[in-house]
């Protein structure tokens, strides 16, 4: 205890003890609550990731259902079984063009014989073209049959017709266990980009995405359009690819970027497609609420320290 020049007693040890208690209180509160807030922040990123992967899957499945419905039409099967009938040919071609006109955002849709000769197409100039021959045809036939009556989706590729990224699909037309032919179609993949570009949260203004093909180690789409359809060279993304290949269908990766910033990524496998979606943001934005909480708790502890110190001062000097 000391006295100031006015004769008031000032308890230095008490002040130091109070300050020490406030520091301990600050770190205890911060450590306990920050752990939960970090968990919530990561959970929010995973919720966003799950929402986007669900929308992607729905979009793809809807496209596959449209192709399967096209391949289930009676007009197409009838023409496949009797390709010399001009009336059946006209009916099948008209059906193909009408079906295509109602789709929207499709590059094309068509009917092939089992030997890959186009016999109806959304572009009436195409029928008669042979799509594949030899080993390429055999590989396609095996792949279509391996889908066991479901749509065979080969994923994305750059269309030689439009030079745009499309998603190509095939569906067999069967009778009594025998393949009569197949239908095929390609949908412009910008519908996938629209889903990826749509922000489902106003919390992450710096969020970026990468939709990657795990079979080819290629970016399907990325926030940086220059990376679209290019080989993956980013070490953090390759680390996530390795984790997925080792059996981790979903996970988190925290790393320091070339700019010195810490980044927070979440990734998830799109099952049965060989794709994965990665969402990335700077850690400072993901954990922004935590930093605000640190500041608020610090202010509260300082105010408590001042209140206790001032109160003690007046009590001791009564």
Protein backbone atom coordinates (compact mmCIF):
# COMPACT_ATOMS: atom_id res chain seq x y z
CA UNK A 1 0.00 0.00 0.00
CA UNK A 2 1.19 3.53 -0.80
CA UNK A 3 -0.28 6.98 -0.43
CA UNK A 4 -0.60 9.46 -3.24
CA UNK A 5 0.12 13.17 -2.78
CA UNK A 6 -3.45 13.76 -1.58
CA UNK A 7 -3.06 11.20 1.18
CA UNK A 8 -5.26 8.60 -0.48
CA UNK A 9 -4.22 4.99 -0.08
CA UNK A 10 -3.49 3.06 -3.22
CA UNK A 11 -3.18 -0.72 -2.99
CA UNK A 12 -0.70 -1.66 -5.71
CA UNK A 13 -0.79 -5.43 -4.93
CA UNK A 14 -4.58 -5.38 -5.15
CA UNK A 15 -4.47 -3.62 -8.48
CA UNK A 16 -1.94 -6.13 -9.81
CA UNK A 17 -4.00 -9.07 -8.56
CA UNK A 18 -7.15 -7.63 -10.17
CA UNK A 19 -5.28 -7.07 -13.45
CA UNK A 20 -3.95 -10.63 -13.34
CA UNK A 21 -7.44 -12.01 -12.71
CA UNK A 22 -8.82 -10.05 -15.67
CA UNK A 23 -6.06 -11.40 -17.91
CA UNK A 24 -6.77 -14.96 -16.80
CA UNK A 25 -10.52 -14.40 -17.22
CA UNK A 26 -9.94 -13.03 -20.72
CA UNK A 27 -7.90 -16.03 -21.87
CA UNK A 28 -10.24 -18.55 -20.25
CA UNK A 29 -13.31 -17.04 -21.92
CA UNK A 30 -11.54 -16.65 -25.24
CA UNK A 31 -10.19 -20.21 -25.30
CA UNK A 32 -13.51 -21.81 -24.33
CA UNK A 33 -15.80 -19.78 -26.56
CA UNK A 34 -13.36 -19.47 -29.48
CA UNK A 35 -13.15 -23.25 -29.80
CA UNK A 36 -16.93 -23.44 -30.17
CA UNK A 37 -17.02 -20.46 -32.53
CA UNK A 38 -14.30 -22.01 -34.70
CA UNK A 39 -16.34 -25.18 -34.87
CA UNK A 40 -19.42 -23.15 -35.87
CA UNK A 41 -17.45 -21.24 -38.52
CA UNK A 42 -16.20 -24.49 -40.05
CA UNK A 43 -19.68 -25.94 -39.81
CA UNK A 44 -21.06 -22.91 -41.71
CA UNK A 45 -18.55 -23.47 -44.52
CA UNK A 46 -19.51 -27.14 -44.67
CA UNK A 47 -23.21 -26.24 -44.78
CA UNK A 48 -22.48 -23.97 -47.75
CA UNK A 49 -20.42 -26.71 -49.40
CA UNK A 50 -23.16 -29.31 -48.90
CA UNK A 51 -25.79 -26.93 -50.29
CA UNK A 52 -23.77 -26.33 -53.45
CA UNK A 53 -22.95 -29.99 -54.01
CA UNK A 54 -26.63 -30.84 -53.56
CA UNK A 55 -27.61 -28.23 -56.16
CA UNK A 56 -24.96 -29.55 -58.56
CA UNK A 57 -26.19 -33.11 -58.13
CA UNK A 58 -29.80 -32.06 -58.64
CA UNK A 59 -28.90 -30.18 -61.82
CA UNK A 60 -26.97 -33.16 -63.21
CA UNK A 61 -29.63 -35.69 -62.21
CA UNK A 62 -32.34 -33.55 -63.79
CA UNK A 63 -30.36 -33.48 -67.06
CA UNK A 64 -29.89 -37.25 -66.93
CA UNK A 65 -33.61 -37.79 -66.37
CA UNK A 66 -34.40 -35.67 -69.42
CA UNK A 67 -32.09 -37.77 -71.59
CA UNK A 68 -33.55 -41.02 -70.20
CA UNK A 69 -37.08 -39.78 -70.89
CA UNK A 70 -36.06 -38.96 -74.46
CA UNK A 71 -34.62 -42.45 -74.91
CA UNK A 72 -37.79 -44.07 -73.56
CA UNK A 73 -40.03 -42.69 -76.31
CA UNK A 74 -41.94 -45.10 -78.52
CA UNK A 75 -41.14 -43.13 -81.67
CA UNK A 76 -37.41 -43.71 -81.33
CA UNK A 77 -37.65 -47.42 -80.53
CA UNK A 78 -40.06 -47.99 -83.39
CA UNK A 79 -37.67 -46.34 -85.86
CA UNK A 80 -34.67 -48.29 -84.50
CA UNK A 81 -36.54 -51.54 -85.14
CA UNK A 82 -37.55 -50.58 -88.68
CA UNK A 83 -35.07 -48.05 -90.08
CA UNK A 84 -36.25 -48.43 -93.66
CA UNK A 85 -39.69 -47.04 -92.86
CA UNK A 86 -39.74 -43.41 -94.04
CA UNK A 87 -42.81 -42.59 -91.99
CA UNK A 88 -41.16 -43.82 -88.81
CA UNK A 89 -38.01 -41.87 -89.68
CA UNK A 90 -39.94 -38.63 -90.11
CA UNK A 91 -41.86 -39.18 -86.87
CA UNK A 92 -38.65 -39.91 -84.94
CA UNK A 93 -36.84 -36.89 -86.40
CA UNK A 94 -39.77 -34.60 -85.65
CA UNK A 95 -39.95 -35.95 -82.10
CA UNK A 96 -36.21 -35.32 -81.65
CA UNK A 97 -36.42 -31.72 -82.85
CA UNK A 98 -39.51 -30.96 -80.76
CA UNK A 99 -38.01 -32.53 -77.65
CA UNK A 100 -34.81 -30.55 -78.10
CA UNK A 101 -36.67 -27.27 -78.58
CA UNK A 102 -38.26 -27.66 -75.15
CA UNK A 103 -35.01 -28.39 -73.32
CA UNK A 104 -33.02 -25.17 -73.28
CA UNK A 105 -29.25 -24.92 -72.70
CA UNK A 106 -28.51 -28.18 -74.54
CA UNK A 107 -25.99 -28.30 -77.35
CA UNK A 108 -27.76 -31.20 -79.03
CA UNK A 109 -29.60 -34.48 -78.63
CA UNK A 110 -29.71 -37.48 -80.96
CA UNK A 111 -30.50 -41.14 -81.62
CA UNK A 112 -27.83 -43.58 -82.75
CA UNK A 113 -27.84 -47.17 -83.89
CA UNK A 114 -25.80 -49.50 -81.69
CA UNK A 115 -22.98 -49.04 -84.23
CA UNK A 116 -22.99 -45.27 -83.53
CA UNK A 117 -24.61 -44.10 -86.77
CA UNK A 118 -26.68 -40.99 -86.09
CA UNK A 119 -30.22 -41.55 -87.39
CA UNK A 120 -32.02 -38.59 -85.76
CA UNK A 121 -30.55 -35.37 -84.41
CA UNK A 122 -31.71 -32.00 -83.14
CA UNK A 123 -29.79 -30.63 -86.13
CA UNK A 124 -31.47 -32.29 -89.14
CA UNK A 125 -28.23 -31.99 -91.17
CA UNK A 126 -26.34 -34.44 -88.93
CA UNK A 127 -28.13 -37.83 -89.44
CA UNK A 128 -25.96 -40.25 -91.40
CA UNK A 129 -22.74 -39.35 -89.56
CA UNK A 130 -20.78 -42.16 -87.90
CA UNK A 131 -19.78 -41.00 -84.41
CA UNK A 132 -17.32 -43.75 -83.48
CA UNK A 133 -15.66 -46.79 -84.96
CA UNK A 134 -13.32 -49.58 -83.93
CA UNK A 135 -11.95 -49.62 -80.39
CA UNK A 136 -13.49 -46.25 -79.60
CA UNK A 137 -16.95 -47.60 -80.43
CA UNK A 138 -16.37 -50.79 -78.45
CA UNK A 139 -15.25 -48.80 -75.40
CA UNK A 140 -18.35 -46.60 -75.60
CA UNK A 141 -20.66 -49.61 -75.94
CA UNK A 142 -19.08 -51.28 -72.90
CA UNK A 143 -19.35 -48.09 -70.86
CA UNK A 144 -23.01 -47.59 -71.76
CA UNK A 145 -23.84 -51.18 -70.80
CA UNK A 146 -21.81 -50.93 -67.58
CA UNK A 147 -24.25 -48.26 -66.39
CA UNK A 148 -26.82 -51.09 -66.14
CA UNK A 149 -29.78 -49.28 -67.61
CA UNK A 150 -28.91 -45.90 -66.13
CA UNK A 151 -27.55 -42.86 -67.91
CA UNK A 152 -23.83 -43.08 -68.63
CA UNK A 153 -22.42 -39.62 -67.87
CA UNK A 154 -18.86 -39.17 -69.12
CA UNK A 155 -18.54 -35.77 -67.43
CA UNK A 156 -17.32 -32.58 -69.06
CA UNK A 157 -15.33 -32.02 -72.21
CA UNK A 158 -14.66 -29.29 -74.72
CA UNK A 159 -17.13 -29.71 -77.56
CA UNK A 160 -15.47 -29.91 -80.99
CA UNK A 161 -18.62 -28.36 -82.44
CA UNK A 162 -18.97 -25.22 -80.34
CA UNK A 163 -15.61 -25.18 -78.48
CA UNK A 164 -17.57 -24.77 -75.25
CA UNK A 165 -17.46 -26.98 -72.17
CA UNK A 166 -20.34 -29.45 -72.22
CA UNK A 167 -21.47 -32.43 -70.18
CA UNK A 168 -22.00 -35.47 -72.40
CA UNK A 169 -24.35 -38.36 -71.59
CA UNK A 170 -25.61 -41.59 -73.17
CA UNK A 171 -28.58 -43.85 -72.51
CA UNK A 172 -29.24 -47.30 -74.08
CA UNK A 173 -32.45 -48.37 -75.80
CA UNK A 174 -32.98 -52.01 -74.91
CA UNK A 175 -35.37 -54.80 -75.82
CA UNK A 176 -35.34 -58.19 -74.15
CA UNK A 177 -31.84 -57.57 -72.80
CA UNK A 178 -30.43 -56.57 -76.18
CA UNK A 179 -29.21 -53.08 -77.06
CA UNK A 180 -30.98 -51.71 -80.14
CA UNK A 181 -29.19 -48.38 -80.03
CA UNK A 182 -28.64 -45.43 -77.75
CA UNK A 183 -29.49 -41.79 -77.33
CA UNK A 184 -26.95 -39.15 -76.50
CA UNK A 185 -26.93 -35.53 -75.58
CA UNK A 186 -24.67 -32.72 -74.47
CA UNK A 187 -25.72 -29.95 -72.14
CA UNK A 188 -23.81 -26.69 -71.90
CA UNK A 189 -22.02 -26.71 -68.56
CA UNK A 190 -22.57 -23.02 -67.86
CA UNK A 191 -25.57 -24.12 -65.78
CA UNK A 192 -23.07 -25.63 -63.35
CA UNK A 193 -21.15 -22.35 -63.30
CA UNK A 194 -24.33 -20.44 -62.44
CA UNK A 195 -24.75 -22.65 -59.36
CA UNK A 196 -21.11 -22.23 -58.36
CA UNK A 197 -21.19 -18.47 -58.86
CA UNK A 198 -24.33 -18.05 -56.79
CA UNK A 199 -23.49 -17.05 -53.24
CA UNK A 200 -25.62 -18.84 -50.66
CA UNK A 201 -24.30 -16.67 -47.85
CA UNK A 202 -23.48 -13.00 -47.41
CA UNK A 203 -20.73 -13.85 -44.91
CA UNK A 204 -18.09 -14.90 -47.42
CA UNK A 205 -17.35 -12.11 -49.88
CA UNK A 206 -13.94 -13.57 -50.82
CA UNK A 207 -15.11 -17.14 -51.34
CA UNK A 208 -13.69 -18.97 -54.36
CA UNK A 209 -14.46 -22.41 -55.77
CA UNK A 210 -12.84 -25.18 -57.75
CA UNK A 211 -14.82 -28.00 -59.34
CA UNK A 212 -12.25 -30.63 -60.20
CA UNK A 213 -12.12 -33.92 -62.09
CA UNK A 214 -10.35 -36.47 -59.89
CA UNK A 215 -9.85 -38.92 -62.76
CA UNK A 216 -7.87 -36.50 -64.89
CA UNK A 217 -6.58 -34.01 -62.26
CA UNK A 218 -8.10 -31.18 -64.26
CA UNK A 219 -10.11 -28.14 -63.22
CA UNK A 220 -13.62 -28.44 -64.64
CA UNK A 221 -14.47 -24.96 -63.48
CA UNK A 222 -12.71 -22.48 -61.21
CA UNK A 223 -13.40 -18.97 -59.96
CA UNK A 224 -10.35 -18.08 -62.02
CA UNK A 225 -11.68 -18.82 -65.52
CA UNK A 226 -8.14 -19.15 -66.87
CA UNK A 227 -7.84 -22.44 -64.97
CA UNK A 228 -10.91 -24.02 -66.60
CA UNK A 229 -10.04 -27.32 -68.28
CA UNK A 230 -6.37 -27.07 -67.26
CA UNK A 231 -4.21 -29.41 -65.20
CA UNK A 232 -4.19 -28.91 -61.43
CA UNK A 233 -0.80 -27.60 -60.26
CA UNK A 234 -1.86 -25.97 -56.97
CA UNK A 235 -0.21 -27.81 -54.07
CA UNK A 236 -3.13 -27.19 -51.64
CA UNK A 237 -5.64 -28.53 -54.18
CA UNK A 238 -3.41 -31.52 -54.97
CA UNK A 239 -3.19 -32.22 -51.22
CA UNK A 240 -6.99 -32.36 -51.10
CA UNK A 241 -7.04 -34.64 -54.16
CA UNK A 242 -4.63 -36.98 -52.35
CA UNK A 243 -6.84 -36.96 -49.25
CA UNK A 244 -9.90 -37.88 -51.32
CA UNK A 245 -8.02 -40.65 -53.12
CA UNK A 246 -7.01 -42.00 -49.71
CA UNK A 247 -10.66 -42.30 -48.73
CA UNK A 248 -11.52 -38.92 -47.20
CA UNK A 249 -14.72 -37.94 -49.02
CA UNK A 250 -14.93 -34.61 -47.22
CA UNK A 251 -12.52 -32.55 -45.15
CA UNK A 252 -10.76 -29.30 -44.31
CA UNK A 253 -7.43 -27.87 -45.44
CA UNK A 254 -5.81 -24.80 -43.89
CA UNK A 255 -2.73 -23.44 -45.62
CA UNK A 256 -0.70 -20.32 -46.26
CA UNK A 257 -0.98 -18.92 -49.77
CA UNK A 258 1.72 -17.37 -51.90
CA UNK A 259 0.52 -13.95 -50.76
CA UNK A 260 1.24 -14.83 -47.12
CA UNK A 261 -2.45 -15.02 -46.19
CA UNK A 262 -3.86 -18.03 -44.36
CA UNK A 263 -6.61 -19.77 -46.32
CA UNK A 264 -9.36 -22.11 -45.19
CA UNK A 265 -10.73 -24.72 -47.62
CA UNK A 266 -13.44 -27.34 -47.38
CA UNK A 267 -13.86 -30.07 -49.97
CA UNK A 268 -16.36 -32.78 -50.80
CA UNK A 269 -16.48 -35.67 -53.24
CA UNK A 270 -19.42 -35.82 -55.64
CA UNK A 271 -20.00 -39.54 -55.41
CA UNK A 272 -20.26 -41.65 -58.57
CA UNK A 273 -18.98 -38.79 -60.72
CA UNK A 274 -15.28 -38.65 -59.92
CA UNK A 275 -15.59 -34.93 -59.20
CA UNK A 276 -14.95 -32.88 -56.09
CA UNK A 277 -15.96 -29.38 -55.09
CA UNK A 278 -13.56 -27.16 -53.13
CA UNK A 279 -14.63 -23.91 -51.45
CA UNK A 280 -11.91 -21.56 -50.20
CA UNK A 281 -11.86 -18.31 -48.27
CA UNK A 282 -9.30 -16.33 -46.29
CA UNK A 283 -9.25 -17.50 -42.68
CA UNK A 284 -9.68 -13.94 -41.44
CA UNK A 285 -13.12 -13.82 -43.07
CA UNK A 286 -14.14 -17.33 -42.01
CA UNK A 287 -13.18 -16.52 -38.42
CA UNK A 288 -14.20 -12.84 -38.48
CA UNK A 289 -16.80 -13.33 -35.72
CA UNK A 290 -14.13 -14.83 -33.47
CA UNK A 291 -11.88 -11.81 -33.83
CA UNK A 292 -14.81 -9.52 -33.06
CA UNK A 293 -15.53 -11.62 -29.98
CA UNK A 294 -11.89 -11.28 -28.81
CA UNK A 295 -12.17 -7.51 -29.06
CA UNK A 296 -15.47 -7.38 -27.19
CA UNK A 297 -14.25 -9.65 -24.39
CA UNK A 298 -11.09 -7.55 -24.09
CA UNK A 299 -13.13 -4.36 -23.74
CA UNK A 300 -15.41 -5.99 -21.13
CA UNK A 301 -12.42 -7.20 -19.08
CA UNK A 302 -10.85 -3.73 -19.18
CA UNK A 303 -14.10 -2.13 -18.03
CA UNK A 304 -14.43 -4.68 -15.21
CA UNK A 305 -10.87 -3.95 -14.16
CA UNK A 306 -11.55 -0.20 -14.06
CA UNK A 307 -14.81 -0.65 -12.16
CA UNK A 308 -13.23 -2.94 -9.55
CA UNK A 309 -10.14 -0.74 -9.19
CA UNK A 310 -12.10 2.52 -8.82
CA UNK A 311 -14.60 0.92 -6.44
CA UNK A 312 -11.81 -0.46 -4.28
CA UNK A 313 -10.10 2.93 -4.24
CA UNK A 314 -13.19 4.68 -2.88
CA UNK A 315 -13.96 1.93 -0.36
CA UNK A 316 -10.43 1.95 1.09
CA UNK A 317 -10.39 5.72 1.39
CA UNK A 318 -13.69 6.23 3.22
